[in-house]
Amino acid sequence: MPPTSREARLRRLAERLGTQHRVSVEPLFDPARQSWTLRWYDGPAVADVRSALTQDGPENAAVLARRDLTTRALALAAIRETRAGALHRWVGNWGQRYHLEQMIGDRPYPERTADHREERMLTRLLAAATLGSSAAPDENRAFELIARDGIAWLLPSHRLAEPNRADEPSDGPADGPAEGLALTPIEFLTSRYATAEHRSAWETALTPMPTAAAVAAVRADPDAPPEAARAALALLPTLRAALTDELDRAESALARVAAER
């Protein structure tokens, strides 16, 4: 049976949206409801597709717009939420998925990474969550890995970035630019020397340890490698500026007190 004019128009709109947003938008007809739904994975926000439906004609008012989320989008959200300290480890996989779905909400393109480092971290997580001969990563496994091990292990490189030099991944080349894969000086020292709460903060959220503590740790290490010394030297201007600012503020406060009668 040839499609009706409305069906043909809706399919043209779905094809146009798919081309525009680089996703597959599928028109689905529900015989029970006698209505249409546009369905796609990740990609544009529901509000954007609803706007396109409205602009295409008033007859689309009853057409539903449904976006489902892939494991890639949910795993990326898990990395980001863990880093932000907002993904609770004790709520279980179902609770984590619900939280992530709410967090992503109507955010467009939830599957897109912010930079090359985040892309490599996501790729490593999805690979680790792919079990046995399965061709697809296991969503629950991805959540469990992050809950158990944090996210620092996902970093594509654990070496110190060389100044004024594009980083090259330590575990092989990747498509696209490689900037930002190696660790900054404070990240390098944190990964090597952080203990107690600073170690937990690093492994869970990639939060670096205090600069002064990092430099002190290198000085106290009789076996500090040259890379650690170079990282500490790179941090000295920042540390010196912070100490100078603190001393200036202390001097001003003391001068005000001394001037009082």
C-alpha atoms as a PDB file:
ATOM      1  CA  MET A   1       0.000   0.000   0.000  1.00  0.00           C
ATOM      2  CA  PRO A   2       1.498   3.362  -0.977  1.00  0.00           C
ATOM      3  CA  PRO A   3       2.094   5.767   1.911  1.00  0.00           C
ATOM      4  CA  THR A   4      -0.411   8.519   2.577  1.00  0.00           C
ATOM      5  CA  SER A   5       0.605  12.096   1.919  1.00  0.00           C
ATOM      6  CA  ARG A   6       0.973  12.663   5.674  1.00  0.00           C
ATOM      7  CA  GLU A   7       3.157   9.578   6.085  1.00  0.00           C
ATOM      8  CA  ALA A   8       5.293  10.551   3.115  1.00  0.00           C
ATOM      9  CA  ARG A   9       5.718  14.062   4.486  1.00  0.00           C
ATOM     10  CA  LEU A  10       6.661  12.718   7.926  1.00  0.00           C
ATOM     11  CA  ARG A  11       9.216  10.375   6.407  1.00  0.00           C
ATOM     12  CA  ARG A  12      10.745  13.246   4.451  1.00  0.00           C
ATOM     13  CA  LEU A  13      10.980  15.249   7.671  1.00  0.00           C
ATOM     14  CA  ALA A  14      12.615  12.303   9.457  1.00  0.00           C
ATOM     15  CA  GLU A  15      15.136  11.960   6.648  1.00  0.00           C
ATOM     16  CA  ARG A  16      15.870  15.684   6.721  1.00  0.00           C
ATOM     17  CA  LEU A  17      16.358  15.645  10.498  1.00  0.00           C
ATOM     18  CA  GLY A  18      18.590  12.598  10.229  1.00  0.00           C
ATOM     19  CA  THR A  19      20.789  14.310   7.667  1.00  0.00           C
ATOM     20  CA  GLN A  20      20.908  17.530   9.678  1.00  0.00           C
ATOM     21  CA  HIS A  21      21.815  15.877  12.974  1.00  0.00           C
ATOM     22  CA  ARG A  22      23.703  12.856  11.594  1.00  0.00           C
ATOM     23  CA  VAL A  23      21.498  10.326  13.336  1.00  0.00           C
ATOM     24  CA  SER A  24      18.938   7.827  12.126  1.00  0.00           C
ATOM     25  CA  VAL A  25      15.445   9.199  12.785  1.00  0.00           C
ATOM     26  CA  GLU A  26      12.796   6.520  12.343  1.00  0.00           C
ATOM     27  CA  PRO A  27       9.061   7.193  11.903  1.00  0.00           C
ATOM     28  CA  LEU A  28       7.053   4.522  13.735  1.00  0.00           C
ATOM     29  CA  PHE A  29       3.301   4.015  13.429  1.00  0.00           C
ATOM     30  CA  ASP A  30       1.280   2.673  16.372  1.00  0.00           C
ATOM     31  CA  PRO A  31      -1.879   0.966  15.046  1.00  0.00           C
ATOM     32  CA  ALA A  32      -3.457   0.866  18.507  1.00  0.00           C
ATOM     33  CA  ARG A  33      -3.109   4.609  19.010  1.00  0.00           C
ATOM     34  CA  GLN A  34      -3.356   5.406  15.320  1.00  0.00           C
ATOM     35  CA  SER A  35      -0.487   7.832  15.746  1.00  0.00           C
ATOM     36  CA  TRP A  36       3.124   8.351  14.710  1.00  0.00           C
ATOM     37  CA  THR A  37       6.346   8.608  16.711  1.00  0.00           C
ATOM     38  CA  LEU A  38       9.738   9.880  15.587  1.00  0.00           C
ATOM     39  CA  ARG A  39      12.401   7.830  17.354  1.00  0.00           C
ATOM     40  CA  TRP A  40      16.187   8.206  17.420  1.00  0.00           C
ATOM     41  CA  TYR A  41      19.204   7.511  19.634  1.00  0.00           C
ATOM     42  CA  ASP A  42      21.300  10.235  21.319  1.00  0.00           C
ATOM     43  CA  GLY A  43      21.698  13.187  18.954  1.00  0.00           C
ATOM     44  CA  PRO A  44      19.404  16.226  19.079  1.00  0.00           C
ATOM     45  CA  ALA A  45      17.275  17.211  22.028  1.00  0.00           C
ATOM     46  CA  VAL A  46      13.607  16.258  22.017  1.00  0.00           C
ATOM     47  CA  ALA A  47      12.705  19.947  22.081  1.00  0.00           C
ATOM     48  CA  ASP A  48      14.581  20.516  18.814  1.00  0.00           C
ATOM     49  CA  VAL A  49      12.707  17.720  17.048  1.00  0.00           C
ATOM     50  CA  ARG A  50       9.395  18.910  18.475  1.00  0.00           C
ATOM     51  CA  SER A  51      10.159  22.378  17.125  1.00  0.00           C
ATOM     52  CA  ALA A  52      10.839  20.913  13.679  1.00  0.00           C
ATOM     53  CA  LEU A  53       7.553  18.998  13.821  1.00  0.00           C
ATOM     54  CA  THR A  54       5.643  22.150  14.707  1.00  0.00           C
ATOM     55  CA  GLN A  55       7.280  24.137  11.937  1.00  0.00           C
ATOM     56  CA  ASP A  56       6.461  21.391   9.444  1.00  0.00           C
ATOM     57  CA  GLY A  57       2.726  21.773   9.988  1.00  0.00           C
ATOM     58  CA  PRO A  58      -0.062  21.740  12.597  1.00  0.00           C
ATOM     59  CA  GLU A  59      -1.016  18.184  11.651  1.00  0.00           C
ATOM     60  CA  ASN A  60       2.135  17.035  13.461  1.00  0.00           C
ATOM     61  CA  ALA A  61       0.819  18.121  16.864  1.00  0.00           C
ATOM     62  CA  ALA A  62      -0.062  14.522  17.754  1.00  0.00           C
ATOM     63  CA  VAL A  63       3.277  13.100  16.569  1.00  0.00           C
ATOM     64  CA  LEU A  64       5.443  11.976  19.481  1.00  0.00           C
ATOM     65  CA  ALA A  65       9.195  12.570  19.696  1.00  0.00           C
ATOM     66  CA  ARG A  66      11.203   9.903  21.527  1.00  0.00           C
ATOM     67  CA  ARG A  67      14.937   9.891  22.105  1.00  0.00           C
ATOM     68  CA  ASP A  68      16.599   6.794  23.549  1.00  0.00           C
ATOM     69  CA  LEU A  69      20.105   6.754  24.993  1.00  0.00           C
ATOM     70  CA  THR A  70      22.949   4.476  23.973  1.00  0.00           C
ATOM     71  CA  THR A  71      25.422   2.856  26.343  1.00  0.00           C
ATOM     72  CA  ARG A  72      28.027   5.283  25.013  1.00  0.00           C
ATOM     73  CA  ALA A  73      25.997   8.313  26.111  1.00  0.00           C
ATOM     74  CA  LEU A  74      25.249   6.821  29.527  1.00  0.00           C
ATOM     75  CA  ALA A  75      28.872   5.766  30.099  1.00  0.00           C
ATOM     76  CA  LEU A  76      30.090   9.250  29.184  1.00  0.00           C
ATOM     77  CA  ALA A  77      27.564  10.756  31.581  1.00  0.00           C
ATOM     78  CA  ALA A  78      28.782   8.361  34.293  1.00  0.00           C
ATOM     79  CA  ILE A  79      32.374   9.550  33.827  1.00  0.00           C
ATOM     80  CA  ARG A  80      31.318  13.185  34.043  1.00  0.00           C
ATOM     81  CA  GLU A  81      29.014  12.717  37.007  1.00  0.00           C
ATOM     82  CA  THR A  82      31.633  10.718  38.896  1.00  0.00           C
ATOM     83  CA  ARG A  83      34.149  13.469  38.293  1.00  0.00           C
ATOM     84  CA  ALA A  84      31.627  16.028  39.531  1.00  0.00           C
ATOM     85  CA  GLY A  85      30.976  13.945  42.649  1.00  0.00           C
ATOM     86  CA  ALA A  86      27.299  13.548  41.773  1.00  0.00           C
ATOM     87  CA  LEU A  87      27.132   9.819  40.956  1.00  0.00           C
ATOM     88  CA  HIS A  88      26.431   7.952  44.174  1.00  0.00           C
ATOM     89  CA  ARG A  89      28.104   4.570  44.341  1.00  0.00           C
ATOM     90  CA  TRP A  90      25.563   2.937  46.619  1.00  0.00           C
ATOM     91  CA  VAL A  91      22.360   3.331  44.594  1.00  0.00           C
ATOM     92  CA  GLY A  92      22.906   0.314  42.320  1.00  0.00           C
ATOM     93  CA  ASN A  93      22.921   0.068  38.548  1.00  0.00           C
ATOM     94  CA  TRP A  94      19.229   0.825  38.091  1.00  0.00           C
ATOM     95  CA  GLY A  95      19.465   3.874  40.327  1.00  0.00           C
ATOM     96  CA  GLN A  96      22.585   5.055  38.525  1.00  0.00           C
ATOM     97  CA  ARG A  97      20.917   4.706  35.140  1.00  0.00           C
ATOM     98  CA  TYR A  98      17.875   6.645  36.322  1.00  0.00           C
ATOM     99  CA  HIS A  99      20.079   9.399  37.743  1.00  0.00           C
ATOM    100  CA  LEU A 100      22.070   9.641  34.507  1.00  0.00           C
ATOM    101  CA  GLU A 101      18.938   9.755  32.365  1.00  0.00           C
ATOM    102  CA  GLN A 102      17.628  12.614  34.490  1.00  0.00           C
ATOM    103  CA  MET A 103      20.973  14.388  34.363  1.00  0.00           C
ATOM    104  CA  ILE A 104      21.247  14.136  30.585  1.00  0.00           C
ATOM    105  CA  GLY A 105      17.592  15.108  30.296  1.00  0.00           C
ATOM    106  CA  ASP A 106      17.052  17.068  27.124  1.00  0.00           C
ATOM    107  CA  ARG A 107      20.724  17.884  26.621  1.00  0.00           C
ATOM    108  CA  PRO A 108      21.606  17.674  22.921  1.00  0.00           C
ATOM    109  CA  TYR A 109      24.211  15.199  21.685  1.00  0.00           C
ATOM    110  CA  PRO A 110      24.905  13.434  25.005  1.00  0.00           C
ATOM    111  CA  GLU A 111      27.212  11.012  23.183  1.00  0.00           C
ATOM    112  CA  ARG A 112      29.737  13.681  22.152  1.00  0.00           C
ATOM    113  CA  THR A 113      32.932  14.034  24.153  1.00  0.00           C
ATOM    114  CA  ALA A 114      34.414  17.406  25.033  1.00  0.00           C
ATOM    115  CA  ASP A 115      37.989  16.686  23.957  1.00  0.00           C
ATOM    116  CA  HIS A 116      40.418  13.992  22.864  1.00  0.00           C
ATOM    117  CA  ARG A 117      41.282  12.917  26.402  1.00  0.00           C
ATOM    118  CA  GLU A 118      37.636  12.382  27.322  1.00  0.00           C
ATOM    119  CA  GLU A 119      37.129  10.407  24.110  1.00  0.00           C
ATOM    120  CA  ARG A 120      40.014   8.101  24.966  1.00  0.00           C
ATOM    121  CA  MET A 121      38.748   7.653  28.531  1.00  0.00           C
ATOM    122  CA  LEU A 122      35.308   6.726  27.235  1.00  0.00           C
ATOM    123  CA  THR A 123      36.777   4.320  24.687  1.00  0.00           C
ATOM    124  CA  ARG A 124      38.787   2.584  27.404  1.00  0.00           C
ATOM    125  CA  LEU A 125      35.742   2.249  29.656  1.00  0.00           C
ATOM    126  CA  LEU A 126      33.578   0.798  26.891  1.00  0.00           C
ATOM    127  CA  ALA A 127      36.320  -1.680  25.965  1.00  0.00           C
ATOM    128  CA  ALA A 128      36.668  -2.806  29.580  1.00  0.00           C
ATOM    129  CA  ALA A 129      32.887  -3.199  29.825  1.00  0.00           C
ATOM    130  CA  THR A 130      32.722  -5.456  26.761  1.00  0.00           C
ATOM    131  CA  LEU A 131      32.640  -9.004  28.103  1.00  0.00           C
ATOM    132  CA  GLY A 132      33.782 -12.162  26.345  1.00  0.00           C
ATOM    133  CA  SER A 133      32.728 -12.452  22.736  1.00  0.00           C
ATOM    134  CA  SER A 134      30.070  -9.770  23.061  1.00  0.00           C
ATOM    135  CA  ALA A 135      30.180  -7.108  20.381  1.00  0.00           C
ATOM    136  CA  ALA A 136      28.615  -4.461  22.602  1.00  0.00           C
ATOM    137  CA  PRO A 137      29.683  -3.076  25.990  1.00  0.00           C
ATOM    138  CA  ASP A 138      27.654  -4.046  29.038  1.00  0.00           C
ATOM    139  CA  GLU A 139      26.073  -0.958  30.552  1.00  0.00           C
ATOM    140  CA  ASN A 140      25.919  -2.381  34.073  1.00  0.00           C
ATOM    141  CA  ARG A 141      29.538  -3.481  33.863  1.00  0.00           C
ATOM    142  CA  ALA A 142      30.573   0.063  32.941  1.00  0.00           C
ATOM    143  CA  PHE A 143      28.752   1.444  35.976  1.00  0.00           C
ATOM    144  CA  GLU A 144      30.314  -1.201  38.232  1.00  0.00           C
ATOM    145  CA  LEU A 145      33.841  -0.461  37.009  1.00  0.00           C
ATOM    146  CA  ILE A 146      33.495   3.240  37.738  1.00  0.00           C
ATOM    147  CA  ALA A 147      31.867   2.604  41.113  1.00  0.00           C
ATOM    148  CA  ARG A 148      34.669   0.231  42.104  1.00  0.00           C
ATOM    149  CA  ASP A 149      37.750   1.838  40.567  1.00  0.00           C
ATOM    150  CA  GLY A 150      36.892   5.486  39.929  1.00  0.00           C
ATOM    151  CA  ILE A 151      38.024   7.123  36.687  1.00  0.00           C
ATOM    152  CA  ALA A 152      41.765   7.867  36.996  1.00  0.00           C
ATOM    153  CA  TRP A 153      42.580   4.446  35.514  1.00  0.00           C
ATOM    154  CA  LEU A 154      40.804   5.518  32.332  1.00  0.00           C
ATOM    155  CA  LEU A 155      43.402   8.180  31.559  1.00  0.00           C
ATOM    156  CA  PRO A 156      45.062   7.329  28.224  1.00  0.00           C
ATOM    157  CA  SER A 157      48.526   8.325  29.441  1.00  0.00           C
ATOM    158  CA  HIS A 158      50.227   8.499  32.832  1.00  0.00           C
ATOM    159  CA  ARG A 159      53.378  10.280  31.751  1.00  0.00           C
ATOM    160  CA  LEU A 160      54.285  13.919  32.155  1.00  0.00           C
ATOM    161  CA  ALA A 161      53.409  16.187  29.262  1.00  0.00           C
ATOM    162  CA  GLU A 162      56.411  17.841  27.685  1.00  0.00           C
ATOM    163  CA  PRO A 163      56.152  21.645  27.492  1.00  0.00           C
ATOM    164  CA  ASN A 164      55.388  23.130  24.063  1.00  0.00           C
ATOM    165  CA  ARG A 165      54.913  19.707  22.544  1.00  0.00           C
ATOM    166  CA  ALA A 166      51.799  17.914  21.322  1.00  0.00           C
ATOM    167  CA  ASP A 167      51.216  14.774  23.340  1.00  0.00           C
ATOM    168  CA  GLU A 168      51.422  11.368  21.776  1.00  0.00           C
ATOM    169  CA  PRO A 169      49.385   8.610  23.431  1.00  0.00           C
ATOM    170  CA  SER A 170      51.506   6.067  25.244  1.00  0.00           C
ATOM    171  CA  ASP A 171      49.257   3.220  24.141  1.00  0.00           C
ATOM    172  CA  GLY A 172      49.256   3.903  20.433  1.00  0.00           C
ATOM    173  CA  PRO A 173      48.030   6.540  18.008  1.00  0.00           C
ATOM    174  CA  ALA A 174      44.433   7.637  17.755  1.00  0.00           C
ATOM    175  CA  ASP A 175      42.415   9.504  15.204  1.00  0.00           C
ATOM    176  CA  GLY A 176      42.367  13.248  15.573  1.00  0.00           C
ATOM    177  CA  PRO A 177      44.628  15.601  17.531  1.00  0.00           C
ATOM    178  CA  ALA A 178      46.449  14.176  20.532  1.00  0.00           C
ATOM    179  CA  GLU A 179      46.757  17.288  22.681  1.00  0.00           C
ATOM    180  CA  GLY A 180      45.932  16.888  26.352  1.00  0.00           C
ATOM    181  CA  LEU A 181      46.531  13.146  26.705  1.00  0.00           C
ATOM    182  CA  ALA A 182      49.626  13.274  28.924  1.00  0.00           C
ATOM    183  CA  LEU A 183      49.428  14.621  32.467  1.00  0.00           C
ATOM    184  CA  THR A 184      50.007  18.200  33.525  1.00  0.00           C
ATOM    185  CA  PRO A 185      52.680  18.726  36.212  1.00  0.00           C
ATOM    186  CA  ILE A 186      50.183  18.777  39.091  1.00  0.00           C
ATOM    187  CA  GLU A 187      48.336  15.756  37.676  1.00  0.00           C
ATOM    188  CA  PHE A 188      51.587  13.829  37.298  1.00  0.00           C
ATOM    189  CA  LEU A 189      52.645  14.520  40.878  1.00  0.00           C
ATOM    190  CA  THR A 190      49.173  13.773  42.222  1.00  0.00           C
ATOM    191  CA  SER A 191      49.083  10.411  40.467  1.00  0.00           C
ATOM    192  CA  ARG A 192      52.480   9.559  41.971  1.00  0.00           C
ATOM    193  CA  TYR A 193      52.363  11.034  45.474  1.00  0.00           C
ATOM    194  CA  ALA A 194      48.756  11.578  46.587  1.00  0.00           C
ATOM    195  CA  THR A 195      47.685   9.633  49.670  1.00  0.00           C
ATOM    196  CA  ALA A 196      44.611   9.327  51.892  1.00  0.00           C
ATOM    197  CA  GLU A 197      41.801  11.702  50.902  1.00  0.00           C
ATOM    198  CA  HIS A 198      43.891  13.229  48.116  1.00  0.00           C
ATOM    199  CA  ARG A 199      44.369   9.769  46.568  1.00  0.00           C
ATOM    200  CA  SER A 200      40.643   9.102  46.740  1.00  0.00           C
ATOM    201  CA  ALA A 201      39.848  12.498  45.223  1.00  0.00           C
ATOM    202  CA  TRP A 202      42.286  11.848  42.380  1.00  0.00           C
ATOM    203  CA  GLU A 203      41.077   8.339  41.577  1.00  0.00           C
ATOM    204  CA  THR A 204      37.419   9.313  41.772  1.00  0.00           C
ATOM    205  CA  ALA A 205      37.296  12.804  40.316  1.00  0.00           C
ATOM    206  CA  LEU A 206      40.795  13.596  38.959  1.00  0.00           C
ATOM    207  CA  THR A 207      41.068  16.288  41.621  1.00  0.00           C
ATOM    208  CA  PRO A 208      44.740  17.270  42.041  1.00  0.00           C
ATOM    209  CA  MET A 209      46.418  17.493  45.426  1.00  0.00           C
ATOM    210  CA  PRO A 210      47.458  20.907  46.812  1.00  0.00           C
ATOM    211  CA  THR A 211      50.408  22.383  44.935  1.00  0.00           C
ATOM    212  CA  ALA A 212      52.503  22.934  48.058  1.00  0.00           C
ATOM    213  CA  ALA A 213      51.978  19.326  49.155  1.00  0.00           C
ATOM    214  CA  ALA A 214      52.946  18.045  45.706  1.00  0.00           C
ATOM    215  CA  VAL A 215      56.205  20.009  45.660  1.00  0.00           C
ATOM    216  CA  ALA A 216      56.983  18.963  49.233  1.00  0.00           C
ATOM    217  CA  ALA A 217      56.407  15.313  48.321  1.00  0.00           C
ATOM    218  CA  VAL A 218      59.010  15.502  45.564  1.00  0.00           C
ATOM    219  CA  ARG A 219      61.539  17.125  47.895  1.00  0.00           C
ATOM    220  CA  ALA A 220      60.939  14.411  50.490  1.00  0.00           C
ATOM    221  CA  ASP A 221      61.346  11.579  47.982  1.00  0.00           C
ATOM    222  CA  PRO A 222      64.980  10.398  47.844  1.00  0.00           C
ATOM    223  CA  ASP A 223      64.158   8.373  44.730  1.00  0.00           C
ATOM    224  CA  ALA A 224      62.236  11.065  42.874  1.00  0.00           C
ATOM    225  CA  PRO A 225      62.655  10.570  39.113  1.00  0.00           C
ATOM    226  CA  PRO A 226      63.712  13.451  36.852  1.00  0.00           C
ATOM    227  CA  GLU A 227      60.137  13.767  35.587  1.00  0.00           C
ATOM    228  CA  ALA A 228      58.902  14.472  39.114  1.00  0.00           C
ATOM    229  CA  ALA A 229      61.577  17.115  39.608  1.00  0.00           C
ATOM    230  CA  ARG A 230      60.646  18.764  36.303  1.00  0.00           C
ATOM    231  CA  ALA A 231      56.976  18.733  37.275  1.00  0.00           C
ATOM    232  CA  ALA A 232      57.761  20.337  40.641  1.00  0.00           C
ATOM    233  CA  LEU A 233      59.916  22.994  38.983  1.00  0.00           C
ATOM    234  CA  ALA A 234      57.053  23.806  36.616  1.00  0.00           C
ATOM    235  CA  LEU A 235      54.779  24.369  39.622  1.00  0.00           C
ATOM    236  CA  LEU A 236      57.128  26.697  41.499  1.00  0.00           C
ATOM    237  CA  PRO A 237      55.979  29.924  39.765  1.00  0.00           C
ATOM    238  CA  THR A 238      52.367  29.147  40.680  1.00  0.00           C
ATOM    239  CA  LEU A 239      53.331  28.265  44.239  1.00  0.00           C
ATOM    240  CA  ARG A 240      55.513  31.364  44.564  1.00  0.00           C
ATOM    241  CA  ALA A 241      52.697  33.611  43.322  1.00  0.00           C
ATOM    242  CA  ALA A 242      50.247  32.065  45.790  1.00  0.00           C
ATOM    243  CA  LEU A 243      52.661  32.485  48.701  1.00  0.00           C
ATOM    244  CA  THR A 244      53.439  36.065  47.705  1.00  0.00           C
ATOM    245  CA  ASP A 245      49.744  36.890  47.557  1.00  0.00           C
ATOM    246  CA  GLU A 246      49.192  35.313  50.967  1.00  0.00           C
ATOM    247  CA  LEU A 247      52.105  37.257  52.472  1.00  0.00           C
ATOM    248  CA  ASP A 248      50.867  40.505  50.913  1.00  0.00           C
ATOM    249  CA  ARG A 249      47.429  40.006  52.425  1.00  0.00           C
ATOM    250  CA  ALA A 250      48.952  39.170  55.807  1.00  0.00           C
ATOM    251  CA  GLU A 251      51.142  42.273  55.649  1.00  0.00           C
ATOM    252  CA  SER A 252      48.150  44.492  54.845  1.00  0.00           C
ATOM    253  CA  ALA A 253      46.086  43.032  57.676  1.00  0.00           C
ATOM    254  CA  LEU A 254      48.909  43.410  60.188  1.00  0.00           C
ATOM    255  CA  ALA A 255      49.625  46.970  59.044  1.00  0.00           C
ATOM    256  CA  ARG A 256      46.000  47.936  59.666  1.00  0.00           C
ATOM    257  CA  VAL A 257      46.139  46.503  63.161  1.00  0.00           C
ATOM    258  CA  ALA A 258      49.467  48.215  63.885  1.00  0.00           C
ATOM    259  CA  ALA A 259      48.054  51.572  62.763  1.00  0.00           C
ATOM    260  CA  GLU A 260      45.160  51.433  65.204  1.00  0.00           C
ATOM    261  CA  ARG A 261      45.406  53.627  68.260  1.00  0.00           C
END
